[in-house]
C-alpha atoms as a PDB file:
ATOM      1  CA  MET A   1      -8.306-102.616 -10.711  1.00  0.00           C
ATOM      2  CA  ALA A   2      -7.324-100.392  -7.793  1.00  0.00           C
ATOM      3  CA  ASN A   3      -7.736-101.955  -4.372  1.00  0.00           C
ATOM      4  CA  THR A   4      -7.980 -98.805  -2.284  1.00  0.00           C
ATOM      5  CA  ARG A   5      -8.250 -99.246   1.445  1.00  0.00           C
ATOM      6  CA  LYS A   6     -10.138 -97.041   3.861  1.00  0.00           C
ATOM      7  CA  LEU A   7      -8.078 -94.314   5.482  1.00  0.00           C
ATOM      8  CA  THR A   8      -7.301 -94.676   9.156  1.00  0.00           C
ATOM      9  CA  THR A   9      -8.708 -92.042  11.518  1.00  0.00           C
ATOM     10  CA  GLU A  10      -5.255 -90.433  11.714  1.00  0.00           C
ATOM     11  CA  GLU A  11      -4.824 -90.394   7.936  1.00  0.00           C
ATOM     12  CA  GLN A  12      -8.276 -88.886   7.469  1.00  0.00           C
ATOM     13  CA  ALA A  13      -7.518 -86.196  10.085  1.00  0.00           C
ATOM     14  CA  ALA A  14      -4.201 -85.324   8.379  1.00  0.00           C
ATOM     15  CA  ARG A  15      -5.941 -85.139   5.007  1.00  0.00           C
ATOM     16  CA  ASP A  16      -8.624 -82.867   6.423  1.00  0.00           C
ATOM     17  CA  VAL A  17      -5.988 -80.512   7.867  1.00  0.00           C
ATOM     18  CA  VAL A  18      -4.236 -80.181   4.508  1.00  0.00           C
ATOM     19  CA  ALA A  19      -7.546 -79.820   2.651  1.00  0.00           C
ATOM     20  CA  ALA A  20      -8.489 -76.888   4.913  1.00  0.00           C
ATOM     21  CA  MET A  21      -5.210 -75.057   4.241  1.00  0.00           C
ATOM     22  CA  PRO A  22      -4.947 -72.430   1.510  1.00  0.00           C
ATOM     23  CA  ASP A  23      -2.697 -73.574  -1.358  1.00  0.00           C
ATOM     24  CA  SER A  24      -0.137 -70.882  -0.488  1.00  0.00           C
ATOM     25  CA  GLU A  25       0.518 -72.539   2.897  1.00  0.00           C
ATOM     26  CA  ILE A  26       1.112 -76.060   1.573  1.00  0.00           C
ATOM     27  CA  ASP A  27       4.819 -76.902   1.316  1.00  0.00           C
ATOM     28  CA  THR A  28       5.458 -78.566  -2.025  1.00  0.00           C
ATOM     29  CA  SER A  29       9.236 -77.974  -2.040  1.00  0.00           C
ATOM     30  CA  ASP A  30       9.910 -81.732  -2.003  1.00  0.00           C
ATOM     31  CA  MET A  31       7.840 -82.219  -5.169  1.00  0.00           C
ATOM     32  CA  PRO A  32       9.743 -81.375  -8.358  1.00  0.00           C
ATOM     33  CA  GLU A  33       7.790 -79.370 -10.911  1.00  0.00           C
ATOM     34  CA  VAL A  34       6.827 -81.417 -13.977  1.00  0.00           C
ATOM     35  CA  THR A  35       8.255 -79.748 -17.071  1.00  0.00           C
ATOM     36  CA  ASP A  36       8.377 -82.701 -19.454  1.00  0.00           C
ATOM     37  CA  TRP A  37       4.910 -83.984 -20.368  1.00  0.00           C
ATOM     38  CA  SER A  38       6.084 -86.081 -23.333  1.00  0.00           C
ATOM     39  CA  GLY A  39       5.288 -89.350 -21.520  1.00  0.00           C
ATOM     40  CA  ALA A  40       1.885 -88.205 -20.298  1.00  0.00           C
ATOM     41  CA  VAL A  41      -1.119 -90.384 -21.067  1.00  0.00           C
ATOM     42  CA  ARG A  42      -4.432 -88.662 -21.711  1.00  0.00           C
ATOM     43  CA  GLY A  43      -7.300 -90.250 -19.837  1.00  0.00           C
ATOM     44  CA  GLY A  44      -5.084 -92.511 -17.733  1.00  0.00           C
ATOM     45  CA  LEU A  45      -7.332 -92.071 -14.718  1.00  0.00           C
ATOM     46  CA  TYR A  46     -10.598 -92.317 -16.648  1.00  0.00           C
ATOM     47  CA  ARG A  47     -12.934 -95.018 -15.355  1.00  0.00           C
ATOM     48  CA  PRO A  48     -15.957 -95.776 -17.514  1.00  0.00           C
ATOM     49  CA  VAL A  49     -19.359 -95.936 -15.874  1.00  0.00           C
ATOM     50  CA  LYS A  50     -20.364 -99.536 -15.213  1.00  0.00           C
ATOM     51  CA  ARG A  51     -23.935-100.771 -15.544  1.00  0.00           C
ATOM     52  CA  LEU A  52     -25.403-103.881 -14.031  1.00  0.00           C
ATOM     53  CA  THR A  53     -26.924-106.047 -16.747  1.00  0.00           C
ATOM     54  CA  SER A  54     -27.937-109.603 -17.438  1.00  0.00           C
ATOM     55  CA  LEU A  55     -26.159-111.325 -20.289  1.00  0.00           C
ATOM     56  CA  ARG A  56     -26.545-114.827 -21.688  1.00  0.00           C
ATOM     57  CA  LEU A  57     -23.250-116.408 -22.660  1.00  0.00           C
ATOM     58  CA  ASP A  58     -22.465-119.866 -23.961  1.00  0.00           C
ATOM     59  CA  ALA A  59     -21.559-122.063 -20.988  1.00  0.00           C
ATOM     60  CA  ASP A  60     -18.171-123.046 -22.401  1.00  0.00           C
ATOM     61  CA  VAL A  61     -17.212-119.405 -23.007  1.00  0.00           C
ATOM     62  CA  LEU A  62     -18.172-118.423 -19.463  1.00  0.00           C
ATOM     63  CA  GLU A  63     -16.308-121.398 -17.979  1.00  0.00           C
ATOM     64  CA  TRP A  64     -13.193-120.493 -19.975  1.00  0.00           C
ATOM     65  CA  PHE A  65     -13.150-117.000 -18.456  1.00  0.00           C
ATOM     66  CA  LYS A  66     -13.944-118.335 -14.970  1.00  0.00           C
ATOM     67  CA  ARG A  67     -11.008-120.770 -15.115  1.00  0.00           C
ATOM     68  CA  GLY A  68      -8.763-117.714 -14.905  1.00  0.00           C
ATOM     69  CA  GLY A  69     -10.019-117.096 -11.366  1.00  0.00           C
ATOM     70  CA  GLU A  70     -11.208-113.844  -9.854  1.00  0.00           C
ATOM     71  CA  GLY A  71     -11.711-110.992 -12.264  1.00  0.00           C
ATOM     72  CA  TYR A  72     -13.432-113.024 -14.956  1.00  0.00           C
ATOM     73  CA  GLN A  73     -16.070-110.322 -15.464  1.00  0.00           C
ATOM     74  CA  THR A  74     -13.310-107.748 -15.968  1.00  0.00           C
ATOM     75  CA  ARG A  75     -11.666-110.043 -18.526  1.00  0.00           C
ATOM     76  CA  ILE A  76     -14.969-110.510 -20.364  1.00  0.00           C
ATOM     77  CA  ASN A  77     -15.401-106.717 -20.409  1.00  0.00           C
ATOM     78  CA  ALA A  78     -11.847-106.282 -21.753  1.00  0.00           C
ATOM     79  CA  ALA A  79     -12.509-108.825 -24.521  1.00  0.00           C
ATOM     80  CA  LEU A  80     -15.717-107.046 -25.493  1.00  0.00           C
ATOM     81  CA  ARG A  81     -13.966-103.658 -25.409  1.00  0.00           C
ATOM     82  CA  GLU A  82     -11.208-105.007 -27.688  1.00  0.00           C
ATOM     83  CA  TYR A  83     -13.878-106.236 -30.109  1.00  0.00           C
ATOM     84  CA  VAL A  84     -15.628-102.857 -30.066  1.00  0.00           C
ATOM     85  CA  GLU A  85     -12.354-100.979 -30.688  1.00  0.00           C
ATOM     86  CA  ARG A  86     -11.476-103.278 -33.572  1.00  0.00           C
ATOM     87  CA  HIS A  87     -14.898-102.842 -35.191  1.00  0.00           C
ATOM     88  CA  ARG A  88     -15.513 -99.172 -34.420  1.00  0.00           C
ATOM     89  CA  GLY A  89     -16.369 -97.201 -37.532  1.00  0.00           C
ATOM     90  CA  ARG A  90     -17.888-100.173 -39.369  1.00  0.00           C
ATOM     91  CA  GLY A  91     -21.438 -98.879 -39.182  1.00  0.00           C
ATOM     92  CA  VAL A  92     -22.367-100.123 -35.705  1.00  0.00           C
ATOM     93  CA  ASP A  93     -21.568 -96.965 -33.745  1.00  0.00           C
END
């Protein structure tokens, strides 16, 4: 998903300065106030907790996902999530 990089020493120092300031001293005049929330997405920043597990998959299924390159575990997770969403409420909650 997000490939966040480490902050440089200068960036970290600048962040620390702003974090130490009271809100009333932070100039936000170049940031327009949001008044229209109609396009807002609830939970857009939510990241589910991941757990390390061992899972046995058919070799051909695993190879199919791996052929897509890096991120195959994320694609497997997305396929399983889609299955869960489709079958939610059918007695296996």
